[in-house]
Amino acid sequence: MAENVHVVSRYIPWYSDEYRISSRAADRSRKSCYEMTPFEIQDELLKSIIDQDEACKKVAMMVYQHLHGHRFVGMLAGPTGSGKSFIADKLSDMFPGLIYIRDISNVTCDGWSGGKKVSSLFEGTVPFDEESNRPAPIMFLDECDKMFAPKTSSARENVSEQVQGEFLTVIHGGSFRVKDEGSDGRYRVVNTGEMSFLFAGAFEKKADLIAAQDGGPVMGFGSKLVRSKSYSRELTMEDIHEAGCINELCGRIQRLVNLNPISEDTYVRILEDHDKGPVHDLEKEFGLRLEVTHERAKEIAHKAYSSGLGIRGIRNTLRAKIDDLMWEDLSARSLQIA
């Protein structure tokens, strides 16, 4: 049987007893990734992702449904560095050839300037094959909040709404002519009717606005002593609509999944955990043992929390420290950031 080809197993309703029984004790090495239960998908995600249990549970359920013939349209919302893109990367590792990650922040309509069109997002995707039971792709559409933000042309047309209108066709199931990778200028037709879509965005401006409105006046009568923080409450589809997502597209998003803001204490735990997170990833990348002292972990965590850069900020700080230490000793197999 060809690589990445699987046989779709019998669909198990979520309400049955059989569905609720986790087979975590099974021998994973002999089990196809496409036969994993939602529990197992969540478990694999949580091996790398900290403090996002509920989000991983909901994503696992959507992926499971897709693999069993139930396409979905979902959305991940949460602050920068909370793990949205990391979830996509982890799923891509777990299900080779299934997840296609696309940045849609600068997508433009046909007829407008710019090389990234809606149809170009499907270049390189492997189509659904009913005969071999190969599943259709799951398209992870990152930075969607930037695509939703209103953009007005010189003719006072909202270009963002036009782009979103094209996405409606995509989600409903349309045929697109795309370049055939590896061919000499040839094209092929991609049908999106079997694909699932997972939008992702930070919606930072909307979260900041909500915090300002919930916090009340800064000074004067009725002012609050404690200001609300961004993402102190979960975003709703009404918030997503107010951030620029058109009603028709909002109505087709079946599930909005909020990711938790990462606390300063959690950042410290992430830095001191050698089984997951940026320290673990950098140890594998450089082939060395990396030790971060507790005091330095608190310092880096505070900086990441204050800057809003999240895990990316931590990874960049650690990488800079590793470069400095390796400059002094290229043969070192163990480094301490103190």
C-alpha atoms as a PDB file:
ATOM      1  CA  MET A   1       0.000   0.000   0.000  1.00  0.00           C
ATOM      2  CA  ALA A   2       1.340   3.475  -0.896  1.00  0.00           C
ATOM      3  CA  GLU A   3       2.712   5.786   1.764  1.00  0.00           C
ATOM      4  CA  ASN A   4       0.187   8.045   3.535  1.00  0.00           C
ATOM      5  CA  VAL A   5      -2.662   5.800   2.371  1.00  0.00           C
ATOM      6  CA  HIS A   6      -4.959   4.376   5.025  1.00  0.00           C
ATOM      7  CA  VAL A   7      -8.251   2.584   5.323  1.00  0.00           C
ATOM      8  CA  VAL A   8     -10.918   4.639   7.077  1.00  0.00           C
ATOM      9  CA  SER A   9     -12.158   2.650  10.042  1.00  0.00           C
ATOM     10  CA  ARG A  10     -15.738   2.378  11.208  1.00  0.00           C
ATOM     11  CA  TYR A  11     -17.116   5.637  12.576  1.00  0.00           C
ATOM     12  CA  ILE A  12     -17.875   5.446  16.299  1.00  0.00           C
ATOM     13  CA  PRO A  13     -20.552   7.878  17.588  1.00  0.00           C
ATOM     14  CA  TRP A  14     -19.331  10.172  20.353  1.00  0.00           C
ATOM     15  CA  TYR A  15     -22.153   9.069  22.672  1.00  0.00           C
ATOM     16  CA  SER A  16     -21.379   5.334  22.608  1.00  0.00           C
ATOM     17  CA  ASP A  17     -19.548   3.488  25.385  1.00  0.00           C
ATOM     18  CA  GLU A  18     -17.088   2.180  22.828  1.00  0.00           C
ATOM     19  CA  TYR A  19     -16.116   5.748  21.906  1.00  0.00           C
ATOM     20  CA  ARG A  20     -15.317   6.704  25.503  1.00  0.00           C
ATOM     21  CA  ILE A  21     -12.922   3.823  26.079  1.00  0.00           C
ATOM     22  CA  SER A  22      -9.395   5.007  25.493  1.00  0.00           C
ATOM     23  CA  SER A  23      -6.900   2.563  24.087  1.00  0.00           C
ATOM     24  CA  ARG A  24      -3.888   4.365  25.511  1.00  0.00           C
ATOM     25  CA  ALA A  25      -2.364   1.096  26.624  1.00  0.00           C
ATOM     26  CA  ALA A  26      -2.283  -0.253  23.067  1.00  0.00           C
ATOM     27  CA  ASP A  27       0.994  -0.707  21.276  1.00  0.00           C
ATOM     28  CA  ARG A  28       1.311   2.564  19.366  1.00  0.00           C
ATOM     29  CA  SER A  29       4.105   1.232  17.196  1.00  0.00           C
ATOM     30  CA  ARG A  30       1.697  -1.195  15.507  1.00  0.00           C
ATOM     31  CA  LYS A  31      -1.176   1.262  15.216  1.00  0.00           C
ATOM     32  CA  SER A  32      -1.669   3.579  12.268  1.00  0.00           C
ATOM     33  CA  CYS A  33      -1.877   7.236  13.213  1.00  0.00           C
ATOM     34  CA  TYR A  34      -5.168   7.320  11.331  1.00  0.00           C
ATOM     35  CA  GLU A  35      -6.643   4.804  13.773  1.00  0.00           C
ATOM     36  CA  MET A  36      -5.953   6.935  16.848  1.00  0.00           C
ATOM     37  CA  THR A  37      -8.821   7.824  19.161  1.00  0.00           C
ATOM     38  CA  PRO A  38      -9.456  11.469  20.095  1.00  0.00           C
ATOM     39  CA  PHE A  39      -7.925  10.699  23.505  1.00  0.00           C
ATOM     40  CA  GLU A  40      -4.705   9.519  21.858  1.00  0.00           C
ATOM     41  CA  ILE A  41      -4.519  12.515  19.534  1.00  0.00           C
ATOM     42  CA  GLN A  42      -4.915  14.822  22.532  1.00  0.00           C
ATOM     43  CA  ASP A  43      -2.268  12.894  24.469  1.00  0.00           C
ATOM     44  CA  GLU A  44       0.221  13.276  21.614  1.00  0.00           C
ATOM     45  CA  LEU A  45      -0.442  17.018  21.408  1.00  0.00           C
ATOM     46  CA  LEU A  46      -0.023  17.440  25.164  1.00  0.00           C
ATOM     47  CA  LYS A  47       3.405  15.806  25.024  1.00  0.00           C
ATOM     48  CA  SER A  48       4.629  19.075  23.521  1.00  0.00           C
ATOM     49  CA  ILE A  49       2.013  21.672  24.469  1.00  0.00           C
ATOM     50  CA  ILE A  50       1.640  22.941  28.035  1.00  0.00           C
ATOM     51  CA  ASP A  51      -1.539  24.258  29.722  1.00  0.00           C
ATOM     52  CA  GLN A  52      -3.785  23.997  26.657  1.00  0.00           C
ATOM     53  CA  ASP A  53      -5.578  20.752  27.553  1.00  0.00           C
ATOM     54  CA  GLU A  54      -9.073  21.901  26.583  1.00  0.00           C
ATOM     55  CA  ALA A  55      -7.943  23.405  23.274  1.00  0.00           C
ATOM     56  CA  CYS A  56      -6.030  20.217  22.401  1.00  0.00           C
ATOM     57  CA  LYS A  57      -9.104  18.150  23.279  1.00  0.00           C
ATOM     58  CA  LYS A  58     -11.318  20.147  20.904  1.00  0.00           C
ATOM     59  CA  VAL A  59      -8.748  20.095  18.098  1.00  0.00           C
ATOM     60  CA  ALA A  60      -8.291  16.338  18.548  1.00  0.00           C
ATOM     61  CA  MET A  61     -12.034  15.843  18.191  1.00  0.00           C
ATOM     62  CA  MET A  62     -12.168  17.873  14.991  1.00  0.00           C
ATOM     63  CA  VAL A  63      -9.255  15.966  13.447  1.00  0.00           C
ATOM     64  CA  TYR A  64     -10.815  12.635  14.428  1.00  0.00           C
ATOM     65  CA  GLN A  65     -14.115  13.644  12.831  1.00  0.00           C
ATOM     66  CA  HIS A  66     -12.304  14.670   9.636  1.00  0.00           C
ATOM     67  CA  LEU A  67     -10.510  11.323   9.405  1.00  0.00           C
ATOM     68  CA  HIS A  68     -13.873   9.580   9.646  1.00  0.00           C
ATOM     69  CA  GLY A  69     -15.576  11.506   6.865  1.00  0.00           C
ATOM     70  CA  HIS A  70     -16.954  14.526   8.748  1.00  0.00           C
ATOM     71  CA  ARG A  71     -15.280  17.691   7.433  1.00  0.00           C
ATOM     72  CA  PHE A  72     -15.143  20.714   9.729  1.00  0.00           C
ATOM     73  CA  VAL A  73     -14.546  24.451   9.723  1.00  0.00           C
ATOM     74  CA  GLY A  74     -12.971  25.625  12.976  1.00  0.00           C
ATOM     75  CA  MET A  75     -11.005  28.515  14.391  1.00  0.00           C
ATOM     76  CA  LEU A  76      -8.239  28.874  16.988  1.00  0.00           C
ATOM     77  CA  ALA A  77      -8.052  32.210  18.792  1.00  0.00           C
ATOM     78  CA  GLY A  78      -5.506  33.219  21.397  1.00  0.00           C
ATOM     79  CA  PRO A  79      -2.533  35.440  22.150  1.00  0.00           C
ATOM     80  CA  THR A  80       0.735  35.318  20.247  1.00  0.00           C
ATOM     81  CA  GLY A  81       2.916  32.485  21.497  1.00  0.00           C
ATOM     82  CA  SER A  82       0.087  30.530  23.133  1.00  0.00           C
ATOM     83  CA  GLY A  83       0.553  27.528  20.824  1.00  0.00           C
ATOM     84  CA  LYS A  84      -1.751  27.932  17.794  1.00  0.00           C
ATOM     85  CA  SER A  85       0.934  27.370  15.167  1.00  0.00           C
ATOM     86  CA  PHE A  86       2.636  24.791  17.387  1.00  0.00           C
ATOM     87  CA  ILE A  87      -0.549  22.716  17.385  1.00  0.00           C
ATOM     88  CA  ALA A  88      -0.515  22.797  13.578  1.00  0.00           C
ATOM     89  CA  ASP A  89       3.171  21.812  13.476  1.00  0.00           C
ATOM     90  CA  LYS A  90       2.578  18.927  15.875  1.00  0.00           C
ATOM     91  CA  LEU A  91      -0.418  17.671  13.870  1.00  0.00           C
ATOM     92  CA  SER A  92       1.676  17.870  10.722  1.00  0.00           C
ATOM     93  CA  ASP A  93       4.278  15.615  12.361  1.00  0.00           C
ATOM     94  CA  MET A  94       1.598  13.196  13.580  1.00  0.00           C
ATOM     95  CA  PHE A  95      -0.253  12.992  10.248  1.00  0.00           C
ATOM     96  CA  PRO A  96       2.255  13.347   7.393  1.00  0.00           C
ATOM     97  CA  GLY A  97       0.718  14.736   4.231  1.00  0.00           C
ATOM     98  CA  LEU A  98      -2.574  15.668   5.889  1.00  0.00           C
ATOM     99  CA  ILE A  99      -1.992  19.161   7.343  1.00  0.00           C
ATOM    100  CA  TYR A 100      -1.172  22.097   5.056  1.00  0.00           C
ATOM    101  CA  ILE A 101      -0.155  25.269   6.886  1.00  0.00           C
ATOM    102  CA  ARG A 102      -0.753  28.527   5.046  1.00  0.00           C
ATOM    103  CA  ASP A 103      -0.257  32.173   6.071  1.00  0.00           C
ATOM    104  CA  ILE A 104      -3.304  34.053   4.778  1.00  0.00           C
ATOM    105  CA  SER A 105      -2.461  37.495   6.183  1.00  0.00           C
ATOM    106  CA  ASN A 106      -1.682  38.934   2.730  1.00  0.00           C
ATOM    107  CA  VAL A 107      -4.014  36.974   0.449  1.00  0.00           C
ATOM    108  CA  THR A 108      -5.611  39.100  -2.279  1.00  0.00           C
ATOM    109  CA  CYS A 109      -8.515  38.674  -4.684  1.00  0.00           C
ATOM    110  CA  ASP A 110      -8.181  37.615  -8.287  1.00  0.00           C
ATOM    111  CA  GLY A 111      -7.643  40.766 -10.310  1.00  0.00           C
ATOM    112  CA  TRP A 112      -5.756  42.560  -7.531  1.00  0.00           C
ATOM    113  CA  SER A 113      -1.996  42.989  -7.235  1.00  0.00           C
ATOM    114  CA  GLY A 114      -0.100  40.463  -5.152  1.00  0.00           C
ATOM    115  CA  GLY A 115       1.114  36.968  -5.893  1.00  0.00           C
ATOM    116  CA  LYS A 116      -0.799  35.154  -3.150  1.00  0.00           C
ATOM    117  CA  LYS A 117      -4.353  34.403  -4.250  1.00  0.00           C
ATOM    118  CA  VAL A 118      -6.941  32.203  -2.566  1.00  0.00           C
ATOM    119  CA  SER A 119      -6.468  29.563  -5.264  1.00  0.00           C
ATOM    120  CA  SER A 120      -2.673  29.535  -4.758  1.00  0.00           C
ATOM    121  CA  LEU A 121      -3.158  28.265  -1.192  1.00  0.00           C
ATOM    122  CA  PHE A 122      -3.956  24.835  -2.625  1.00  0.00           C
ATOM    123  CA  GLU A 123      -0.795  24.439  -4.658  1.00  0.00           C
ATOM    124  CA  GLY A 124       1.082  21.331  -3.553  1.00  0.00           C
ATOM    125  CA  THR A 125      -1.867  19.712  -1.770  1.00  0.00           C
ATOM    126  CA  VAL A 126      -2.493  16.004  -2.268  1.00  0.00           C
ATOM    127  CA  PRO A 127      -6.103  15.521  -3.410  1.00  0.00           C
ATOM    128  CA  PHE A 128      -8.728  13.306  -1.820  1.00  0.00           C
ATOM    129  CA  ASP A 129      -8.676   9.815  -3.336  1.00  0.00           C
ATOM    130  CA  GLU A 130     -11.844   7.826  -2.675  1.00  0.00           C
ATOM    131  CA  GLU A 131     -10.526   4.607  -4.214  1.00  0.00           C
ATOM    132  CA  SER A 132      -7.433   4.457  -1.992  1.00  0.00           C
ATOM    133  CA  ASN A 133      -9.194   6.045   1.015  1.00  0.00           C
ATOM    134  CA  ARG A 134      -6.617   8.819   1.193  1.00  0.00           C
ATOM    135  CA  PRO A 135      -8.231  11.604   3.276  1.00  0.00           C
ATOM    136  CA  ALA A 136      -8.664  15.117   1.962  1.00  0.00           C
ATOM    137  CA  PRO A 137      -6.301  17.764   3.371  1.00  0.00           C
ATOM    138  CA  ILE A 138      -6.878  19.850   6.471  1.00  0.00           C
ATOM    139  CA  MET A 139      -5.965  23.441   5.636  1.00  0.00           C
ATOM    140  CA  PHE A 140      -4.523  25.372   8.595  1.00  0.00           C
ATOM    141  CA  LEU A 141      -5.077  29.050   7.711  1.00  0.00           C
ATOM    142  CA  ASP A 142      -2.830  31.094   9.988  1.00  0.00           C
ATOM    143  CA  GLU A 143      -2.925  34.862  10.693  1.00  0.00           C
ATOM    144  CA  CYS A 144      -6.593  35.040   9.677  1.00  0.00           C
ATOM    145  CA  ASP A 145      -7.189  38.094  11.893  1.00  0.00           C
ATOM    146  CA  LYS A 146      -4.923  40.133   9.623  1.00  0.00           C
ATOM    147  CA  MET A 147      -6.891  38.966   6.586  1.00  0.00           C
ATOM    148  CA  PHE A 148     -10.203  39.883   8.276  1.00  0.00           C
ATOM    149  CA  ALA A 149      -9.062  43.423   9.141  1.00  0.00           C
ATOM    150  CA  PRO A 150     -10.800  45.936   6.829  1.00  0.00           C
ATOM    151  CA  LYS A 151      -8.658  47.126   3.919  1.00  0.00           C
ATOM    152  CA  THR A 152     -10.081  49.867   1.715  1.00  0.00           C
ATOM    153  CA  SER A 153      -9.085  50.337  -1.922  1.00  0.00           C
ATOM    154  CA  SER A 154      -8.812  53.681  -3.715  1.00  0.00           C
ATOM    155  CA  ALA A 155     -12.383  53.098  -4.902  1.00  0.00           C
ATOM    156  CA  ARG A 156     -13.477  52.708  -1.260  1.00  0.00           C
ATOM    157  CA  GLU A 157     -14.116  48.987  -1.645  1.00  0.00           C
ATOM    158  CA  ASN A 158     -13.439  46.730   1.325  1.00  0.00           C
ATOM    159  CA  VAL A 159     -10.924  44.342  -0.222  1.00  0.00           C
ATOM    160  CA  SER A 160     -10.960  42.142   2.880  1.00  0.00           C
ATOM    161  CA  GLU A 161     -14.665  41.395   2.415  1.00  0.00           C
ATOM    162  CA  GLN A 162     -14.017  40.397  -1.195  1.00  0.00           C
ATOM    163  CA  VAL A 163     -11.275  37.987  -0.157  1.00  0.00           C
ATOM    164  CA  GLN A 164     -13.546  36.521   2.504  1.00  0.00           C
ATOM    165  CA  GLY A 165     -16.209  36.077  -0.151  1.00  0.00           C
ATOM    166  CA  GLU A 166     -13.798  33.870  -2.075  1.00  0.00           C
ATOM    167  CA  PHE A 167     -13.173  31.829   1.068  1.00  0.00           C
ATOM    168  CA  LEU A 168     -16.924  31.191   1.256  1.00  0.00           C
ATOM    169  CA  THR A 169     -16.678  29.444  -2.104  1.00  0.00           C
ATOM    170  CA  VAL A 170     -13.694  27.465  -0.842  1.00  0.00           C
ATOM    171  CA  ILE A 171     -15.483  26.316   2.315  1.00  0.00           C
ATOM    172  CA  HIS A 172     -18.708  25.487   0.491  1.00  0.00           C
ATOM    173  CA  GLY A 173     -16.721  23.364  -1.946  1.00  0.00           C
ATOM    174  CA  GLY A 174     -15.408  24.777  -5.183  1.00  0.00           C
ATOM    175  CA  SER A 175     -13.008  23.843  -7.963  1.00  0.00           C
ATOM    176  CA  PHE A 176      -9.785  25.810  -8.392  1.00  0.00           C
ATOM    177  CA  ARG A 177      -7.177  25.717 -11.134  1.00  0.00           C
ATOM    178  CA  VAL A 178      -3.715  25.628  -9.537  1.00  0.00           C
ATOM    179  CA  LYS A 179      -0.171  25.097 -10.732  1.00  0.00           C
ATOM    180  CA  ASP A 180       0.907  21.464 -10.725  1.00  0.00           C
ATOM    181  CA  GLU A 181       4.118  21.281  -8.697  1.00  0.00           C
ATOM    182  CA  GLY A 182       6.990  19.571 -10.450  1.00  0.00           C
ATOM    183  CA  SER A 183       5.457  20.042 -13.890  1.00  0.00           C
ATOM    184  CA  ASP A 184       6.493  22.416 -16.639  1.00  0.00           C
ATOM    185  CA  GLY A 185       3.816  25.085 -16.284  1.00  0.00           C
ATOM    186  CA  ARG A 186       0.900  22.666 -16.229  1.00  0.00           C
ATOM    187  CA  TYR A 187      -2.204  23.146 -14.101  1.00  0.00           C
ATOM    188  CA  ARG A 188      -4.590  20.820 -12.311  1.00  0.00           C
ATOM    189  CA  VAL A 189      -8.029  21.245 -10.770  1.00  0.00           C
ATOM    190  CA  VAL A 190      -8.403  21.033  -6.975  1.00  0.00           C
ATOM    191  CA  ASN A 191     -11.830  20.464  -5.442  1.00  0.00           C
ATOM    192  CA  THR A 192     -12.221  21.714  -1.859  1.00  0.00           C
ATOM    193  CA  GLY A 193     -15.503  19.942  -1.124  1.00  0.00           C
ATOM    194  CA  GLU A 194     -13.894  17.255   1.063  1.00  0.00           C
ATOM    195  CA  MET A 195     -11.341  19.487   2.800  1.00  0.00           C
ATOM    196  CA  SER A 196     -11.532  20.772   6.369  1.00  0.00           C
ATOM    197  CA  PHE A 197     -10.404  24.242   7.395  1.00  0.00           C
ATOM    198  CA  LEU A 198      -8.904  25.503  10.638  1.00  0.00           C
ATOM    199  CA  PHE A 199      -8.468  29.276  10.839  1.00  0.00           C
ATOM    200  CA  ALA A 200      -6.100  30.724  13.453  1.00  0.00           C
ATOM    201  CA  GLY A 201      -5.486  34.241  14.682  1.00  0.00           C
ATOM    202  CA  ALA A 202      -4.474  36.281  17.715  1.00  0.00           C
ATOM    203  CA  PHE A 203      -7.119  39.019  17.374  1.00  0.00           C
ATOM    204  CA  GLU A 204      -4.885  41.096  19.620  1.00  0.00           C
ATOM    205  CA  LYS A 205      -6.489  44.473  18.913  1.00  0.00           C
ATOM    206  CA  LYS A 206      -9.942  43.129  19.712  1.00  0.00           C
ATOM    207  CA  ALA A 207      -8.705  41.483  22.927  1.00  0.00           C
ATOM    208  CA  ASP A 208      -7.043  44.748  23.982  1.00  0.00           C
ATOM    209  CA  LEU A 209     -10.231  46.690  23.241  1.00  0.00           C
ATOM    210  CA  ILE A 210     -12.333  44.263  25.287  1.00  0.00           C
ATOM    211  CA  ALA A 211      -9.910  44.606  28.209  1.00  0.00           C
ATOM    212  CA  ALA A 212     -10.070  48.402  28.015  1.00  0.00           C
ATOM    213  CA  GLN A 213     -13.882  48.381  27.919  1.00  0.00           C
ATOM    214  CA  ASP A 214     -14.176  45.869  30.763  1.00  0.00           C
ATOM    215  CA  GLY A 215     -11.609  47.718  32.858  1.00  0.00           C
ATOM    216  CA  GLY A 216     -13.576  50.940  33.138  1.00  0.00           C
ATOM    217  CA  PRO A 217     -12.055  54.420  33.364  1.00  0.00           C
ATOM    218  CA  VAL A 218      -8.456  54.747  34.476  1.00  0.00           C
ATOM    219  CA  MET A 219      -9.130  57.746  36.742  1.00  0.00           C
ATOM    220  CA  GLY A 220     -12.101  59.461  38.268  1.00  0.00           C
ATOM    221  CA  PHE A 221     -15.327  58.354  39.868  1.00  0.00           C
ATOM    222  CA  GLY A 222     -16.139  54.701  39.239  1.00  0.00           C
ATOM    223  CA  SER A 223     -12.634  53.800  38.117  1.00  0.00           C
ATOM    224  CA  LYS A 224     -11.352  50.299  38.887  1.00  0.00           C
ATOM    225  CA  LEU A 225      -8.240  49.651  40.940  1.00  0.00           C
ATOM    226  CA  VAL A 226      -7.450  46.485  38.964  1.00  0.00           C
ATOM    227  CA  ARG A 227      -7.394  46.796  35.184  1.00  0.00           C
ATOM    228  CA  SER A 228      -8.616  43.910  33.059  1.00  0.00           C
ATOM    229  CA  LYS A 229      -5.957  42.109  31.059  1.00  0.00           C
ATOM    230  CA  SER A 230      -6.198  41.198  27.394  1.00  0.00           C
ATOM    231  CA  TYR A 231      -7.720  37.738  26.887  1.00  0.00           C
ATOM    232  CA  SER A 232      -9.081  37.790  30.452  1.00  0.00           C
ATOM    233  CA  ARG A 233     -12.272  36.434  28.899  1.00  0.00           C
ATOM    234  CA  GLU A 234     -12.627  34.126  25.928  1.00  0.00           C
ATOM    235  CA  LEU A 235     -13.380  35.614  22.531  1.00  0.00           C
ATOM    236  CA  THR A 236     -16.778  34.891  21.005  1.00  0.00           C
ATOM    237  CA  MET A 237     -17.941  34.725  17.404  1.00  0.00           C
ATOM    238  CA  GLU A 238     -19.493  38.159  17.960  1.00  0.00           C
ATOM    239  CA  ASP A 239     -15.999  39.443  18.807  1.00  0.00           C
ATOM    240  CA  ILE A 240     -14.587  37.775  15.684  1.00  0.00           C
ATOM    241  CA  HIS A 241     -17.310  39.438  13.597  1.00  0.00           C
ATOM    242  CA  GLU A 242     -16.523  42.835  15.116  1.00  0.00           C
ATOM    243  CA  ALA A 243     -12.858  42.240  14.257  1.00  0.00           C
ATOM    244  CA  GLY A 244     -13.810  42.128  10.570  1.00  0.00           C
ATOM    245  CA  CYS A 245     -15.008  38.593   9.786  1.00  0.00           C
ATOM    246  CA  ILE A 246     -18.116  38.860   7.627  1.00  0.00           C
ATOM    247  CA  ASN A 247     -21.397  37.365   8.872  1.00  0.00           C
ATOM    248  CA  GLU A 248     -21.536  34.697   6.180  1.00  0.00           C
ATOM    249  CA  LEU A 249     -18.078  33.377   7.089  1.00  0.00           C
ATOM    250  CA  CYS A 250     -18.765  33.567  10.837  1.00  0.00           C
ATOM    251  CA  GLY A 251     -21.839  31.430  10.302  1.00  0.00           C
ATOM    252  CA  ARG A 252     -19.784  28.675   8.682  1.00  0.00           C
ATOM    253  CA  ILE A 253     -17.253  28.400  11.516  1.00  0.00           C
ATOM    254  CA  GLN A 254     -18.606  25.474  13.473  1.00  0.00           C
ATOM    255  CA  ARG A 255     -16.309  25.688  16.486  1.00  0.00           C
ATOM    256  CA  LEU A 256     -14.295  28.510  18.009  1.00  0.00           C
ATOM    257  CA  VAL A 257     -11.470  27.237  20.231  1.00  0.00           C
ATOM    258  CA  ASN A 258      -9.824  29.698  22.626  1.00  0.00           C
ATOM    259  CA  LEU A 259      -6.254  29.132  23.806  1.00  0.00           C
ATOM    260  CA  ASN A 260      -5.328  30.287  27.295  1.00  0.00           C
ATOM    261  CA  PRO A 261      -2.889  33.146  27.840  1.00  0.00           C
ATOM    262  CA  ILE A 262       0.307  31.716  29.299  1.00  0.00           C
ATOM    263  CA  SER A 263       1.066  32.908  32.833  1.00  0.00           C
ATOM    264  CA  GLU A 264       4.502  33.951  34.035  1.00  0.00           C
ATOM    265  CA  ASP A 265       4.697  30.884  36.290  1.00  0.00           C
ATOM    266  CA  THR A 266       3.860  28.644  33.331  1.00  0.00           C
ATOM    267  CA  TYR A 267       6.716  30.177  31.346  1.00  0.00           C
ATOM    268  CA  VAL A 268       9.055  29.200  34.189  1.00  0.00           C
ATOM    269  CA  ARG A 269       7.722  25.624  34.119  1.00  0.00           C
ATOM    270  CA  ILE A 270       8.181  25.526  30.343  1.00  0.00           C
ATOM    271  CA  LEU A 271      11.817  26.589  30.708  1.00  0.00           C
ATOM    272  CA  GLU A 272      12.496  23.965  33.372  1.00  0.00           C
ATOM    273  CA  ASP A 273      10.748  21.102  31.564  1.00  0.00           C
ATOM    274  CA  HIS A 274      13.189  19.021  29.512  1.00  0.00           C
ATOM    275  CA  ASP A 275      10.485  16.766  28.074  1.00  0.00           C
ATOM    276  CA  LYS A 276       8.692  19.443  26.045  1.00  0.00           C
ATOM    277  CA  GLY A 277       8.918  23.072  25.037  1.00  0.00           C
ATOM    278  CA  PRO A 278      11.707  25.249  23.603  1.00  0.00           C
ATOM    279  CA  VAL A 279      14.504  23.875  25.841  1.00  0.00           C
ATOM    280  CA  HIS A 280      13.728  20.346  24.676  1.00  0.00           C
ATOM    281  CA  ASP A 281      13.565  21.453  21.024  1.00  0.00           C
ATOM    282  CA  LEU A 282      16.866  23.340  21.191  1.00  0.00           C
ATOM    283  CA  GLU A 283      18.586  20.417  22.908  1.00  0.00           C
ATOM    284  CA  LYS A 284      17.554  18.198  20.002  1.00  0.00           C
ATOM    285  CA  GLU A 285      18.553  20.800  17.419  1.00  0.00           C
ATOM    286  CA  PHE A 286      22.040  21.420  18.802  1.00  0.00           C
ATOM    287  CA  GLY A 287      22.660  17.951  20.225  1.00  0.00           C
ATOM    288  CA  LEU A 288      23.557  19.152  23.690  1.00  0.00           C
ATOM    289  CA  ARG A 289      22.270  19.306  27.240  1.00  0.00           C
ATOM    290  CA  LEU A 290      20.926  22.742  28.134  1.00  0.00           C
ATOM    291  CA  GLU A 291      20.480  23.815  31.758  1.00  0.00           C
ATOM    292  CA  VAL A 292      18.646  27.011  32.693  1.00  0.00           C
ATOM    293  CA  THR A 293      19.007  28.053  36.326  1.00  0.00           C
ATOM    294  CA  HIS A 294      15.825  28.871  38.217  1.00  0.00           C
ATOM    295  CA  GLU A 295      16.738  32.548  38.631  1.00  0.00           C
ATOM    296  CA  ARG A 296      17.522  32.959  34.930  1.00  0.00           C
ATOM    297  CA  ALA A 297      14.323  31.059  34.042  1.00  0.00           C
ATOM    298  CA  LYS A 298      12.326  33.563  36.114  1.00  0.00           C
ATOM    299  CA  GLU A 299      14.080  36.453  34.377  1.00  0.00           C
ATOM    300  CA  ILE A 300      13.456  35.076  30.865  1.00  0.00           C
ATOM    301  CA  ALA A 301       9.862  34.177  31.778  1.00  0.00           C
ATOM    302  CA  HIS A 302       9.149  37.696  33.019  1.00  0.00           C
ATOM    303  CA  LYS A 303      10.546  39.172  29.813  1.00  0.00           C
ATOM    304  CA  ALA A 304       8.443  36.823  27.653  1.00  0.00           C
ATOM    305  CA  TYR A 305       5.310  37.542  29.677  1.00  0.00           C
ATOM    306  CA  SER A 306       5.804  41.315  29.617  1.00  0.00           C
ATOM    307  CA  SER A 307       6.693  41.543  25.925  1.00  0.00           C
ATOM    308  CA  GLY A 308       3.774  39.411  24.733  1.00  0.00           C
ATOM    309  CA  LEU A 309       6.079  37.451  22.412  1.00  0.00           C
ATOM    310  CA  GLY A 310       5.295  34.189  24.189  1.00  0.00           C
ATOM    311  CA  ILE A 311       7.168  30.978  23.392  1.00  0.00           C
ATOM    312  CA  ARG A 312       8.777  32.562  20.335  1.00  0.00           C
ATOM    313  CA  GLY A 313      10.370  35.193  22.569  1.00  0.00           C
ATOM    314  CA  ILE A 314      11.716  32.502  24.903  1.00  0.00           C
ATOM    315  CA  ARG A 315      13.129  30.493  22.012  1.00  0.00           C
ATOM    316  CA  ASN A 316      14.851  33.566  20.536  1.00  0.00           C
ATOM    317  CA  THR A 317      16.374  34.489  23.918  1.00  0.00           C
ATOM    318  CA  LEU A 318      17.678  30.955  24.470  1.00  0.00           C
ATOM    319  CA  ARG A 319      19.093  30.762  20.964  1.00  0.00           C
ATOM    320  CA  ALA A 320      21.026  34.010  21.503  1.00  0.00           C
ATOM    321  CA  LYS A 321      22.415  32.661  24.799  1.00  0.00           C
ATOM    322  CA  ILE A 322      23.440  29.394  23.125  1.00  0.00           C
ATOM    323  CA  ASP A 323      25.258  31.307  20.373  1.00  0.00           C
ATOM    324  CA  ASP A 324      27.186  33.326  22.968  1.00  0.00           C
ATOM    325  CA  LEU A 325      28.185  30.213  24.951  1.00  0.00           C
ATOM    326  CA  MET A 326      29.142  28.207  21.858  1.00  0.00           C
ATOM    327  CA  TRP A 327      31.332  31.100  20.696  1.00  0.00           C
ATOM    328  CA  GLU A 328      33.413  30.533  23.828  1.00  0.00           C
ATOM    329  CA  ASP A 329      33.497  26.721  23.529  1.00  0.00           C
ATOM    330  CA  LEU A 330      32.382  25.030  20.309  1.00  0.00           C
ATOM    331  CA  SER A 331      33.105  21.556  21.690  1.00  0.00           C
ATOM    332  CA  ALA A 332      30.781  21.896  24.703  1.00  0.00           C
ATOM    333  CA  ARG A 333      28.130  19.202  24.966  1.00  0.00           C
ATOM    334  CA  SER A 334      26.452  20.790  27.975  1.00  0.00           C
ATOM    335  CA  LEU A 335      25.651  24.464  28.466  1.00  0.00           C
ATOM    336  CA  GLN A 336      24.342  26.332  31.491  1.00  0.00           C
ATOM    337  CA  ILE A 337      22.401  29.579  31.162  1.00  0.00           C
ATOM    338  CA  ALA A 338      22.905  31.224  34.545  1.00  0.00           C
END
